[in-house]
Protein backbone atom coordinates (compact mmCIF):
# COMPACT_ATOMS: atom_id res chain seq x y z
CA UNK A 1 33.94 1.97 12.17
CA UNK A 2 30.72 2.89 10.31
CA UNK A 3 27.77 0.51 10.51
CA UNK A 4 27.14 -1.69 7.51
CA UNK A 5 23.54 -2.51 6.71
CA UNK A 6 21.82 -5.37 4.90
CA UNK A 7 18.24 -5.48 3.67
CA UNK A 8 16.58 -8.89 3.38
CA UNK A 9 13.86 -8.86 0.74
CA UNK A 10 13.98 -6.28 -2.05
CA UNK A 11 10.33 -5.84 -2.94
CA UNK A 12 8.54 -2.52 -2.54
CA UNK A 13 9.54 -2.02 1.10
CA UNK A 14 13.03 -3.50 0.86
CA UNK A 15 14.12 -1.72 -2.31
CA UNK A 16 12.98 1.61 -0.89
CA UNK A 17 14.65 1.00 2.47
CA UNK A 18 17.92 -0.10 0.88
CA UNK A 19 18.14 2.97 -1.36
CA UNK A 20 17.23 5.26 1.54
CA UNK A 21 19.87 3.74 3.83
CA UNK A 22 22.48 4.37 1.11
CA UNK A 23 21.22 7.95 0.83
CA UNK A 24 21.76 8.33 4.58
CA UNK A 25 25.42 7.42 4.01
CA UNK A 26 25.60 3.72 4.89
CA UNK A 27 27.19 0.87 2.96
CA UNK A 28 24.24 -1.36 2.08
CA UNK A 29 23.86 -4.92 0.77
CA UNK A 30 20.44 -6.03 -0.38
CA UNK A 31 19.45 -9.69 -0.62
CA UNK A 32 16.64 -11.47 -2.43
CA UNK A 33 16.05 -15.12 -3.28
CA UNK A 34 14.79 -14.19 -6.77
CA UNK A 35 17.86 -13.75 -9.03
CA UNK A 36 15.89 -11.83 -11.69
CA UNK A 37 14.91 -9.21 -9.12
CA UNK A 38 18.52 -8.78 -8.02
CA UNK A 39 19.66 -8.43 -11.64
CA UNK A 40 17.05 -5.73 -12.25
CA UNK A 41 18.02 -3.75 -9.15
CA UNK A 42 21.73 -4.10 -9.91
CA UNK A 43 21.04 -2.29 -13.21
CA UNK A 44 19.51 0.56 -11.25
CA UNK A 45 15.97 -0.36 -12.30
CA UNK A 46 12.95 -0.99 -10.07
CA UNK A 47 10.28 -3.61 -10.83
CA UNK A 48 7.50 -1.34 -9.56
CA UNK A 49 6.42 2.28 -10.01
CA UNK A 50 7.25 4.54 -7.09
CA UNK A 51 8.02 8.23 -7.69
CA UNK A 52 11.68 9.06 -7.07
CA UNK A 53 12.78 5.53 -6.21
CA UNK A 54 14.59 4.64 -9.42
CA UNK A 55 16.48 7.96 -9.38
CA UNK A 56 17.55 7.33 -5.78
CA UNK A 57 18.57 3.78 -6.62
CA UNK A 58 20.72 4.83 -9.59
CA UNK A 59 22.39 7.45 -7.41
CA UNK A 60 23.86 4.73 -5.20
CA UNK A 61 24.00 1.33 -6.99
CA UNK A 62 27.59 0.14 -7.49
CA UNK A 63 28.70 -0.12 -11.10
CA UNK A 64 26.53 2.72 -12.42
CA UNK A 65 28.52 5.67 -13.71
CA UNK A 66 28.44 8.59 -11.31
CA UNK A 67 26.92 6.63 -8.42
CA UNK A 68 28.25 6.58 -4.87
CA UNK A 69 28.63 2.80 -5.09
CA UNK A 70 27.25 2.41 -1.56
CA UNK A 71 24.52 -0.06 -2.58
CA UNK A 72 25.02 -3.62 -3.86
CA UNK A 73 22.77 -6.67 -4.23
CA UNK A 74 23.30 -10.40 -3.74
CA UNK A 75 21.55 -13.76 -3.45
CA UNK A 76 24.12 -15.09 -0.95
CA UNK A 77 23.07 -15.47 2.69
CA UNK A 78 26.69 -16.11 3.64
CA UNK A 79 27.77 -12.81 2.11
CA UNK A 80 25.00 -11.00 4.00
CA UNK A 81 26.06 -12.58 7.30
CA UNK A 82 29.68 -11.58 6.84
CA UNK A 83 28.85 -8.05 5.65
CA UNK A 84 26.22 -6.69 7.98
CA UNK A 85 26.14 -5.16 11.44
CA UNK A 86 22.41 -4.38 11.20
CA UNK A 87 20.12 -6.64 9.17
CA UNK A 88 16.68 -5.30 8.16
CA UNK A 89 14.11 -7.99 7.32
CA UNK A 90 11.63 -6.54 4.81
CA UNK A 91 9.87 -9.60 3.36
CA UNK A 92 6.18 -9.85 2.56
CA UNK A 93 3.47 -11.04 4.98
CA UNK A 94 0.43 -11.70 2.77
CA UNK A 95 -2.98 -12.89 3.91
CA UNK A 96 -3.27 -16.68 4.09
CA UNK A 97 -5.29 -18.18 1.27
CA UNK A 98 -8.85 -18.73 2.45
CA UNK A 99 -8.17 -17.25 5.90
CA UNK A 100 -7.96 -13.87 7.61
CA UNK A 101 -4.65 -14.74 9.29
CA UNK A 102 -1.23 -13.48 8.23
CA UNK A 103 1.10 -15.82 6.32
CA UNK A 104 4.40 -15.76 8.24
CA UNK A 105 6.19 -18.29 6.03
CA UNK A 106 8.37 -15.69 4.25
CA UNK A 107 9.44 -14.06 7.52
CA UNK A 108 10.14 -17.41 9.18
CA UNK A 109 12.15 -18.56 6.16
CA UNK A 110 14.20 -15.35 6.13
CA UNK A 111 15.08 -15.67 9.82
CA UNK A 112 15.89 -19.37 9.46
CA UNK A 113 18.24 -18.63 6.54
CA UNK A 114 19.89 -15.59 8.09
CA UNK A 115 20.49 -16.82 11.66
CA UNK A 116 23.07 -19.58 10.88
CA UNK A 117 25.21 -16.96 9.08
CA UNK A 118 25.47 -14.65 12.11
CA UNK A 119 28.87 -15.49 13.62
CA UNK A 120 29.53 -12.14 15.32
CA UNK A 121 27.47 -9.57 17.23
CA UNK A 122 24.64 -8.19 15.10
CA UNK A 123 21.22 -6.57 15.29
CA UNK A 124 18.37 -8.06 13.27
CA UNK A 125 15.54 -5.59 12.69
CA UNK A 126 12.11 -6.73 11.59
CA UNK A 127 10.18 -4.24 9.45
CA UNK A 128 7.46 -6.57 8.13
CA UNK A 129 3.92 -6.24 9.48
CA UNK A 130 3.47 -9.29 11.71
CA UNK A 131 0.96 -10.63 14.26
CA UNK A 132 1.69 -9.43 17.80
CA UNK A 133 3.87 -11.97 19.61
CA UNK A 134 5.99 -12.80 16.55
CA UNK A 135 9.03 -10.81 17.68
CA UNK A 136 9.36 -12.67 20.98
CA UNK A 137 9.25 -15.99 19.12
CA UNK A 138 11.74 -14.86 16.48
CA UNK A 139 14.16 -13.46 19.07
CA UNK A 140 14.31 -16.90 20.67
CA UNK A 141 14.85 -18.48 17.24
CA UNK A 142 17.79 -16.18 16.54
CA UNK A 143 19.48 -17.06 19.84
CA UNK A 144 19.05 -20.78 19.15
CA UNK A 145 20.21 -20.78 15.51
CA UNK A 146 22.87 -18.06 15.36
CA UNK A 147 26.47 -19.17 16.06
CA UNK A 148 26.94 -15.85 17.92
CA UNK A 149 24.06 -16.79 20.24
CA UNK A 150 22.98 -14.04 22.61
CA UNK A 151 25.26 -11.54 20.87
CA UNK A 152 22.61 -11.41 18.15
CA UNK A 153 19.73 -9.16 19.20
CA UNK A 154 16.33 -8.48 17.68
CA UNK A 155 14.46 -5.20 17.28
CA UNK A 156 11.13 -4.47 15.63
CA UNK A 157 10.84 -1.30 13.55
CA UNK A 158 7.49 -1.17 11.70
CA UNK A 159 7.27 0.66 8.39
CA UNK A 160 4.70 3.39 7.69
CA UNK A 161 5.18 3.91 3.97
CA UNK A 162 2.51 5.48 1.81
CA UNK A 163 2.65 4.31 -1.79
CA UNK A 164 3.51 7.32 -3.92
CA UNK A 165 5.44 8.89 -1.02
CA UNK A 166 7.65 5.99 0.06
CA UNK A 167 11.01 7.71 -0.49
CA UNK A 168 9.88 10.79 1.42
CA UNK A 169 8.42 8.66 4.22
CA UNK A 170 11.67 6.70 4.63
CA UNK A 171 14.05 9.63 4.55
CA UNK A 172 11.81 12.02 6.51
CA UNK A 173 9.47 9.83 8.59
CA UNK A 174 6.70 11.35 10.71
CA UNK A 175 7.77 8.92 13.47
CA UNK A 176 10.25 6.12 14.05
CA UNK A 177 9.01 3.31 16.29
CA UNK A 178 11.42 0.70 17.66
CA UNK A 179 10.61 -2.29 19.79
CA UNK A 180 13.72 -3.42 21.64
CA UNK A 181 14.69 -5.78 24.43
CA UNK A 182 17.81 -3.89 25.54
CA UNK A 183 19.83 -0.70 25.32
CA UNK A 184 22.18 -1.97 22.60
CA UNK A 185 19.39 -2.34 20.05
CA UNK A 186 18.10 1.15 20.80
CA UNK A 187 21.61 2.62 20.54
CA UNK A 188 22.26 1.04 17.14
CA UNK A 189 18.92 2.16 15.72
CA UNK A 190 19.47 5.69 16.98
CA UNK A 191 22.74 5.61 15.02
CA UNK A 192 20.98 4.29 11.90
CA UNK A 193 18.29 6.98 12.08
CA UNK A 194 20.49 9.80 13.37
CA UNK A 195 19.79 12.02 10.36
CA UNK A 196 15.96 12.00 10.44
CA UNK A 197 15.97 12.17 14.25
CA UNK A 198 18.26 15.19 13.99
CA UNK A 199 15.75 16.76 11.61
CA UNK A 200 12.99 16.33 14.17
CA UNK A 201 11.42 12.91 13.50
CA UNK A 202 10.09 11.53 16.83
CA UNK A 203 11.89 8.38 18.02
CA UNK A 204 9.49 6.18 20.02
CA UNK A 205 11.02 3.33 22.05
CA UNK A 206 8.69 0.49 23.02
CA UNK A 207 8.63 -3.20 23.85
CA UNK A 208 8.15 -5.86 21.17
CA UNK A 209 4.35 -6.27 21.43
CA UNK A 210 3.65 -2.54 21.38
CA UNK A 211 5.89 -1.95 18.37
CA UNK A 212 4.18 -4.81 16.51
CA UNK A 213 0.74 -3.40 17.36
CA UNK A 214 1.49 0.16 16.23
CA UNK A 215 1.27 -0.60 12.49
CA UNK A 216 -1.90 -2.68 12.66
CA UNK A 217 -3.51 -0.21 15.06
CA UNK A 218 -2.69 2.71 12.75
CA UNK A 219 -4.03 0.93 9.68
CA UNK A 220 -7.15 -0.14 11.55
CA UNK A 221 -7.81 3.46 12.58
CA UNK A 222 -7.37 4.73 9.02
CA UNK A 223 -9.59 1.97 7.63
CA UNK A 224 -12.23 2.82 10.23
CA UNK A 225 -12.14 6.50 9.27
CA UNK A 226 -12.55 5.68 5.58
CA UNK A 227 -15.41 3.28 6.23
CA UNK A 228 -17.05 5.81 8.56
CA UNK A 229 -17.31 8.45 5.86
CA UNK A 230 -18.48 5.80 3.39
CA UNK A 231 -21.20 4.77 5.85
CA UNK A 232 -22.19 8.44 6.01
CA UNK A 233 -22.30 8.40 2.20
CA UNK A 234 -24.88 5.61 2.36
CA UNK A 235 -27.00 7.70 4.74
CA UNK A 236 -26.55 10.82 2.59
CA UNK A 237 -27.80 8.97 -0.49
CA UNK A 238 -30.86 7.75 1.42
CA UNK A 239 -31.56 11.25 2.78
CA UNK A 240 -30.54 13.17 -0.40
CA UNK A 241 -27.66 14.78 1.49
CA UNK A 242 -24.14 15.65 0.29
CA UNK A 243 -21.33 13.64 1.88
CA UNK A 244 -18.68 15.99 0.47
CA UNK A 245 -20.15 18.96 2.34
CA UNK A 246 -20.67 16.78 5.41
CA UNK A 247 -16.99 15.74 5.36
CA UNK A 248 -15.90 19.35 4.91
CA UNK A 249 -17.98 20.43 7.90
CA UNK A 250 -16.85 17.75 10.34
CA UNK A 251 -13.26 17.96 9.07
CA UNK A 252 -12.95 21.46 10.52
CA UNK A 253 -13.17 19.87 13.95
CA UNK A 254 -9.53 19.46 15.04
CA UNK A 255 -10.45 16.29 16.92
CA UNK A 256 -11.57 14.70 13.63
CA UNK A 257 -9.45 16.32 10.94
CA UNK A 258 -9.92 16.43 7.16
CA UNK A 259 -7.66 13.58 6.07
CA UNK A 260 -9.16 10.25 4.97
CA UNK A 261 -12.67 11.71 4.83
CA UNK A 262 -13.24 11.48 1.07
CA UNK A 263 -16.12 9.10 0.43
CA UNK A 264 -15.81 6.73 -2.52
CA UNK A 265 -15.41 3.09 -3.52
CA UNK A 266 -13.27 2.42 -0.47
CA UNK A 267 -9.76 1.34 0.37
CA UNK A 268 -7.66 -1.43 -1.14
CA UNK A 269 -3.99 -2.18 -1.72
CA UNK A 270 -1.58 -4.58 -0.11
CA UNK A 271 -1.81 -3.26 3.47
CA UNK A 272 -5.10 -2.00 4.88
CA UNK A 273 -7.41 -4.89 3.90
CA UNK A 274 -5.07 -7.73 4.87
CA UNK A 275 -3.76 -5.96 7.96
CA UNK A 276 -7.16 -5.40 9.57
CA UNK A 277 -8.15 -9.00 8.80
CA UNK A 278 -4.92 -10.36 10.27
CA UNK A 279 -5.45 -8.12 13.31
CA UNK A 280 -8.89 -9.63 13.84
CA UNK A 281 -7.52 -13.15 13.45
CA UNK A 282 -4.72 -12.56 15.94
CA UNK A 283 -7.07 -10.94 18.47
CA UNK A 284 -9.18 -14.09 18.27
CA UNK A 285 -6.15 -16.26 18.99
CA UNK A 286 -5.39 -14.10 22.04
CA UNK A 287 -8.95 -14.30 23.32
CA UNK A 288 -9.55 -10.60 22.64
CA UNK A 289 -11.73 -11.00 19.54
CA UNK A 290 -14.61 -8.91 20.99
CA UNK A 291 -12.31 -5.87 21.11
CA UNK A 292 -12.08 -5.86 17.32
CA UNK A 293 -15.53 -6.95 16.18
CA UNK A 294 -16.09 -3.42 14.86
CA UNK A 295 -13.43 -4.10 12.22
CA UNK A 296 -15.74 -6.69 10.63
CA UNK A 297 -18.21 -3.91 9.92
CA UNK A 298 -15.38 -1.66 8.69
CA UNK A 299 -14.44 -4.39 6.22
CA UNK A 300 -18.07 -4.98 5.28
CA UNK A 301 -18.76 -1.29 4.58
CA UNK A 302 -15.64 -1.16 2.43
CA UNK A 303 -16.67 -4.12 0.28
CA UNK A 304 -20.27 -2.86 0.07
CA UNK A 305 -19.07 0.34 -1.61
CA UNK A 306 -17.76 -1.69 -4.55
CA UNK A 307 -21.05 -3.50 -4.99
CA UNK A 308 -22.92 -0.20 -4.83
CA UNK A 309 -20.77 1.22 -7.63
CA UNK A 310 -21.72 -1.78 -9.77
CA UNK A 311 -25.39 -1.16 -8.99
CA UNK A 312 -25.13 2.52 -9.97
CA UNK A 313 -23.40 1.55 -13.23
CA UNK A 314 -26.11 -1.01 -14.01
CA UNK A 315 -28.79 1.59 -13.36
CA UNK A 316 -27.01 4.07 -15.65
CA UNK A 317 -27.00 1.66 -18.60
CA UNK A 318 -30.65 0.76 -18.28
CA UNK A 319 -30.66 -2.13 -15.82
CA UNK A 320 -28.64 -4.74 -17.72
CA UNK A 321 -24.97 -4.85 -18.70
CA UNK A 322 -25.43 -7.21 -21.64
CA UNK A 323 -24.35 -5.47 -24.83
CA UNK A 324 -23.34 -2.32 -22.94
CA UNK A 325 -19.88 -0.77 -22.99
CA UNK A 326 -18.36 0.45 -19.72
CA UNK A 327 -15.25 2.64 -19.47
CA UNK A 328 -13.26 2.30 -16.24
CA UNK A 329 -10.80 5.09 -15.51
CA UNK A 330 -8.26 3.70 -13.08
CA UNK A 331 -6.90 0.26 -12.23
CA UNK A 332 -4.58 0.88 -9.29
CA UNK A 333 -5.91 1.11 -5.74
CA UNK A 334 -4.60 4.68 -5.49
CA UNK A 335 -2.83 7.23 -7.74
CA UNK A 336 0.97 7.56 -8.03
CA UNK A 337 1.37 3.78 -7.85
CA UNK A 338 1.22 0.74 -10.14
CA UNK A 339 -0.15 -1.45 -7.33
CA UNK A 340 -3.40 -3.25 -8.24
CA UNK A 341 -3.57 -5.54 -5.19
CA UNK A 342 -7.15 -5.64 -3.89
CA UNK A 343 -7.93 -2.64 -6.10
CA UNK A 344 -11.53 -1.44 -5.78
CA UNK A 345 -11.35 -0.21 -9.39
CA UNK A 346 -10.42 -3.60 -10.80
CA UNK A 347 -12.86 -5.36 -8.49
CA UNK A 348 -15.70 -3.24 -9.87
CA UNK A 349 -14.47 -3.75 -13.44
CA UNK A 350 -14.31 -7.51 -12.91
CA UNK A 351 -17.82 -7.68 -11.41
CA UNK A 352 -19.29 -5.77 -14.36
CA UNK A 353 -17.44 -7.96 -16.84
CA UNK A 354 -18.79 -11.12 -15.16
CA UNK A 355 -22.29 -9.69 -15.50
CA UNK A 356 -21.93 -9.28 -19.25
CA UNK A 357 -20.60 -5.77 -19.62
CA UNK A 358 -17.91 -4.93 -22.19
CA UNK A 359 -15.35 -3.26 -19.95
CA UNK A 360 -12.39 -1.19 -21.15
CA UNK A 361 -9.85 -0.03 -18.55
CA UNK A 362 -7.24 2.71 -18.61
CA UNK A 363 -4.62 3.57 -15.99
CA UNK A 364 -1.48 5.76 -16.32
CA UNK A 365 0.84 3.30 -14.53
CA UNK A 366 -1.02 0.11 -13.61
CA UNK A 367 -1.94 -1.39 -17.00
CA UNK A 368 0.68 -4.15 -17.07
CA UNK A 369 -0.17 -5.35 -13.58
CA UNK A 370 -3.89 -5.11 -14.28
CA UNK A 371 -3.53 -7.21 -17.43
CA UNK A 372 -1.77 -9.93 -15.48
CA UNK A 373 -4.51 -9.99 -12.84
CA UNK A 374 -7.53 -9.53 -15.15
CA UNK A 375 -6.45 -10.67 -18.63
CA UNK A 376 -10.03 -10.96 -19.92
CA UNK A 377 -10.75 -7.24 -19.57
CA UNK A 378 -10.07 -4.86 -22.46
CA UNK A 379 -7.43 -2.15 -22.03
CA UNK A 380 -6.88 1.17 -23.79
CA UNK A 381 -3.71 3.24 -24.08
CA UNK A 382 -5.49 6.52 -23.34
CA UNK A 383 -8.43 7.57 -21.22
CA UNK A 384 -10.20 8.93 -24.29
CA UNK A 385 -9.81 5.62 -26.11
CA UNK A 386 -11.19 3.75 -23.09
CA UNK A 387 -14.29 5.96 -23.24
CA UNK A 388 -14.91 5.47 -26.97
CA UNK A 389 -18.38 4.01 -27.49
CA UNK A 390 -19.05 3.74 -23.74
CA UNK A 391 -22.56 3.85 -22.33
CA UNK A 392 -21.20 4.85 -18.90
CA UNK A 393 -17.84 6.15 -17.66
CA UNK A 394 -16.68 5.15 -14.18
CA UNK A 395 -14.00 7.25 -12.45
CA UNK A 396 -12.44 4.83 -9.93
CA UNK A 397 -8.85 5.97 -9.26
CA UNK A 398 -8.21 9.68 -8.66
CA UNK A 399 -5.30 10.25 -11.04
CA UNK A 400 -4.74 13.94 -11.76
CA UNK A 401 -5.09 13.46 -15.52
CA UNK A 402 -8.69 12.31 -15.10
CA UNK A 403 -9.62 15.53 -13.33
CA UNK A 404 -8.19 17.39 -16.32
CA UNK A 405 -10.33 15.60 -18.89
CA UNK A 406 -12.53 17.88 -20.99
CA UNK A 407 -16.13 16.65 -20.62
CA UNK A 408 -17.01 17.99 -24.06
CA UNK A 409 -14.15 16.13 -25.73
CA UNK A 410 -15.01 12.90 -23.89
CA UNK A 411 -18.68 13.46 -24.71
CA UNK A 412 -17.88 13.44 -28.42
CA UNK A 413 -16.62 9.83 -28.34
CA UNK A 414 -19.02 8.09 -25.92
CA UNK A 415 -22.30 6.42 -26.86
CA UNK A 416 -24.13 7.98 -23.90
CA UNK A 417 -23.09 10.76 -21.53
CA UNK A 418 -23.28 9.06 -18.15
CA UNK A 419 -20.41 9.43 -15.68
CA UNK A 420 -20.18 8.08 -12.13
CA UNK A 421 -17.46 9.52 -9.90
CA UNK A 422 -16.35 6.81 -7.52
CA UNK A 423 -13.77 9.06 -5.86
CA UNK A 424 -15.64 12.36 -5.47
CA UNK A 425 -12.79 14.10 -7.25
CA UNK A 426 -14.38 15.37 -10.49
CA UNK A 427 -16.03 18.79 -10.92
CA UNK A 428 -19.73 17.89 -11.01
CA UNK A 429 -20.84 21.31 -12.35
CA UNK A 430 -18.32 21.15 -15.20
CA UNK A 431 -19.51 17.72 -16.35
CA UNK A 432 -23.20 18.57 -16.01
CA UNK A 433 -22.73 21.78 -18.00
CA UNK A 434 -21.45 19.58 -20.86
CA UNK A 435 -24.76 17.64 -20.80
CA UNK A 436 -23.52 14.68 -18.81
CA UNK A 437 -25.63 12.79 -16.30
CA UNK A 438 -23.33 12.97 -13.28
CA UNK A 439 -23.55 10.69 -10.22
CA UNK A 440 -21.17 10.40 -7.27
CA UNK A 441 -21.23 8.22 -4.18
CA UNK A 442 -23.00 9.95 -1.30
CA UNK A 443 -24.09 13.02 -3.29
CA UNK A 444 -27.47 14.24 -4.59
CA UNK A 445 -28.41 13.17 -8.12
CA UNK A 446 -28.62 16.76 -9.31
């Protein structure tokens, strides 16, 4: 009999995982405690922007004409318990308010609600990013609360999704990591992931702590690499060097590589910032805080980039934002997403606004979310409209459409031709040839 899968939590991670499991041929039941979210998904619609996800969802959601019908949604824990052989827990683990530590309340609540419904053998699989040691605690909780007792096993299977590529990363992962306590959990997960493993995706079997550490270690390494090149940008500016050429040169070294070496306003989003802070907090609890003190500087460099962008913008408008108009191109933390969580672009826009600047923001996909987070900023429907009357234009999210802007056309609507490239993605020569003053982080002024 084919495995039946449930997905607990249908946010960004859960909705993607549920649709992908249906694509792999499984019968899937997704659960969320927010009825409105379930209603939206049941119509084949997604509450966030992720390329390819809505199409994949509509291909499988029951009740949609032409779909496979393999994917349904519910708010009933009892239905989930009766339906599933493998239960994936995909709920959020945000940063605690006012602390570095991870908020485990959503994960704990999900396990506490699911366990009493497990009356037959089942595998519960955690996918949320959690502090190391959580899986051992939750495995014990499952045994205590589940009617099936020790016939309910736990595995930990961290996610490695990149926003903008989440569907691809789920269906064709670059690695699958599973933390298991026994052979049965490994066997079931090999069955779940048989298709990508058959296509060549590595399948790494580990213990609970190692599997939990993989995600935070990976994110910490990526954050460190980004902050390293941004630290080099600071040195380049002081020495009148070019961080783009520097990154190109060191990127040819196979030991270093070219990826994540673009200097700019730094990283943001819902993962890297909170994950490295939670990692530091957990290391402190374990008595290993000295091992991760370098991450404090990684975090500090990242936040300093945002402040430096504000300083460059202030300099460009004459030293004072009062009465000056600032165009901000980009609101999301990265392109191909509508995610504005801890967005460097919006952080910079907000700082300038607080200092008296008249800020107008444009973003291809993140406007609605940005408005909810920063309702006092002005927003424009097009990039050109955002630039109208501006004394400086800030390029802060590297959407492809911004690279295609015609500097002459933009120059006709601004008050002054000053542009600052916070992502090192614009063609400096092209903008300068159209009589713009062009600045970019870590690059010579001319």
